[in-house]
Each structure stands twice: as C-alpha cells, then as structure tokens.
Protein backbone atom coordinates (compact mmCIF):
# COMPACT_ATOMS: atom_id res chain seq x y z
CA UNK A 1 -3.57 34.95 114.18
CA UNK A 2 -4.01 31.63 115.84
CA UNK A 3 -2.00 28.71 114.53
CA UNK A 4 -4.85 26.23 115.12
CA UNK A 5 -7.64 28.16 113.45
CA UNK A 6 -6.62 30.40 110.57
CA UNK A 7 -8.63 33.58 110.37
CA UNK A 8 -9.33 33.93 114.10
CA UNK A 9 -7.50 36.36 116.36
CA UNK A 10 -5.05 35.05 118.95
CA UNK A 11 -6.54 34.80 122.47
CA UNK A 12 -3.99 34.48 125.28
CA UNK A 13 -6.71 33.22 127.67
CA UNK A 14 -8.00 30.48 125.39
CA UNK A 15 -7.88 27.07 127.11
CA UNK A 16 -7.18 23.96 125.07
CA UNK A 17 -10.27 21.83 124.55
CA UNK A 18 -10.17 18.57 126.50
CA UNK A 19 -12.68 15.78 126.51
CA UNK A 20 -14.23 15.14 129.92
CA UNK A 21 -13.09 11.87 131.51
CA UNK A 22 -15.47 8.93 131.53
CA UNK A 23 -17.27 8.64 134.88
CA UNK A 24 -16.40 5.53 136.87
CA UNK A 25 -19.56 4.30 138.52
CA UNK A 26 -18.85 0.63 139.11
CA UNK A 27 -17.16 0.87 142.48
CA UNK A 28 -19.62 3.47 143.83
CA UNK A 29 -22.63 1.32 142.96
CA UNK A 30 -20.87 -1.69 144.42
CA UNK A 31 -20.12 0.34 147.57
CA UNK A 32 -23.78 1.31 147.87
CA UNK A 33 -25.10 -2.22 147.45
CA UNK A 34 -22.51 -4.10 149.44
CA UNK A 35 -22.23 -1.34 152.02
CA UNK A 36 -25.94 -1.26 152.83
CA UNK A 37 -26.15 -5.05 152.94
CA UNK A 38 -23.00 -5.32 155.06
CA UNK A 39 -24.34 -2.71 157.46
CA UNK A 40 -27.60 -4.62 157.90
CA UNK A 41 -25.66 -7.84 158.48
CA UNK A 42 -23.24 -6.12 160.87
CA UNK A 43 -25.94 -4.33 162.79
CA UNK A 44 -28.40 -7.17 163.15
CA UNK A 45 -25.67 -9.77 163.61
CA UNK A 46 -23.98 -7.95 166.48
CA UNK A 47 -27.09 -6.66 168.23
CA UNK A 48 -29.04 -9.90 168.45
CA UNK A 49 -30.19 -10.49 171.99
CA UNK A 50 -30.38 -6.92 173.26
CA UNK A 51 -34.15 -6.79 173.10
CA UNK A 52 -35.75 -6.74 176.58
CA UNK A 53 -37.65 -9.95 175.89
CA UNK A 54 -34.37 -11.75 175.17
CA UNK A 55 -32.73 -10.82 178.47
CA UNK A 56 -29.82 -8.70 177.21
CA UNK A 57 -27.65 -11.71 176.31
CA UNK A 58 -24.99 -9.65 174.57
CA UNK A 59 -22.39 -7.14 175.63
CA UNK A 60 -24.01 -4.58 173.30
CA UNK A 61 -26.83 -3.13 175.36
CA UNK A 62 -28.51 0.26 175.35
CA UNK A 63 -26.57 3.04 173.60
CA UNK A 64 -23.78 0.60 172.73
CA UNK A 65 -26.07 -0.77 169.99
CA UNK A 66 -24.85 2.17 167.88
CA UNK A 67 -21.24 0.90 167.89
CA UNK A 68 -21.60 -1.09 164.64
CA UNK A 69 -22.92 2.00 162.86
CA UNK A 70 -20.10 4.13 164.28
CA UNK A 71 -17.47 1.61 163.15
CA UNK A 72 -19.02 1.45 159.68
CA UNK A 73 -19.11 5.25 159.47
CA UNK A 74 -15.45 5.52 160.48
CA UNK A 75 -14.37 3.02 157.81
CA UNK A 76 -16.53 4.73 155.16
CA UNK A 77 -15.06 8.16 155.95
CA UNK A 78 -11.49 6.85 155.80
CA UNK A 79 -12.18 5.22 152.43
CA UNK A 80 -13.95 8.35 151.09
CA UNK A 81 -11.01 10.61 152.02
CA UNK A 82 -8.37 8.52 150.25
CA UNK A 83 -8.28 9.33 146.50
CA UNK A 84 -7.77 5.73 145.39
CA UNK A 85 -10.84 4.48 147.31
CA UNK A 86 -13.00 7.61 147.30
CA UNK A 87 -15.77 6.14 145.14
CA UNK A 88 -15.99 3.02 147.29
CA UNK A 89 -16.19 5.15 150.47
CA UNK A 90 -18.76 7.46 148.89
CA UNK A 91 -20.88 4.44 148.00
CA UNK A 92 -20.62 3.21 151.58
CA UNK A 93 -21.79 6.59 152.89
CA UNK A 94 -24.76 6.52 150.51
CA UNK A 95 -25.42 2.96 151.72
CA UNK A 96 -25.56 4.32 155.27
CA UNK A 97 -28.28 6.71 154.15
CA UNK A 98 -30.21 3.86 152.57
CA UNK A 99 -29.82 1.85 155.78
CA UNK A 100 -31.19 4.76 157.81
CA UNK A 101 -34.17 5.40 155.53
CA UNK A 102 -35.12 1.75 155.06
CA UNK A 103 -34.46 0.86 158.71
CA UNK A 104 -36.53 3.81 159.87
CA UNK A 105 -39.37 2.72 157.61
CA UNK A 106 -39.30 -0.80 159.03
CA UNK A 107 -39.20 0.56 162.59
CA UNK A 108 -42.17 2.85 161.99
CA UNK A 109 -44.10 -0.03 160.40
CA UNK A 110 -43.54 -2.20 163.46
CA UNK A 111 -44.47 0.62 165.82
CA UNK A 112 -47.65 1.32 163.85
CA UNK A 113 -48.69 -2.33 164.22
CA UNK A 114 -47.98 -2.28 167.95
CA UNK A 115 -50.06 0.84 168.53
CA UNK A 116 -53.23 -1.11 169.34
CA UNK A 117 -51.42 -3.61 171.59
CA UNK A 118 -49.99 -1.13 174.10
C-alpha cells in the first residue's frame, strides 16, 4: 500500500506530482519589441545613402546592406543559446521575423505605387 494514499496499491513507476513553473514572458516580449525596433534603427541608420539617387555615400553598398541584419542575427543566436538569456534571444529572433514581414510589406507597397511610373 502506498504511504501517501491509503487504500491504493503501490506503484514503483508513479512520479511525484509537481506544479508546472510559472512562464516568464517579460523578457521575451521585451526582446520582441526592442529587438524589432532596434533592428529598424540599425538597418535604416547604417544604410542611409546607398540608394542610387543619393550617390552611394556610405561604405555599405550593394550586398553589404545585409551586414546589419547579419550582425543582429549573430547576437540574437548567441543570446538564444545561453540559458540565462535564452528568452531575450528568442524574442530578438521573433523580432527579426516581424522586421522581415513588416519590411517586406512596406517594400511591396512602395513597389506597387511605382508600377505606373516605370
């Protein structure tokens, strides 16, 4: 007989009941919000002047415009792998997805307006 519950047979495979831990969402949400905003600021702040009408006034031209995104992705992966900062890094990776979806939508909107001008 089990010591915990009188009248029930002893089960050697019975696991003790534990309450699930409270989910910690604060740092992930903060990583999403601040990460997406920081990526927009980083990307548009470092790539100003690479448009053809602005004469390529920056060292970031052509494919090198993806360097800010690559740097952001590297930092986000490092933070996501470390257990103490995994939620922050996960939020930053989700923020990268938001950046891609929202940025793609803005790009398509501008291209749709330019369709008649070309």
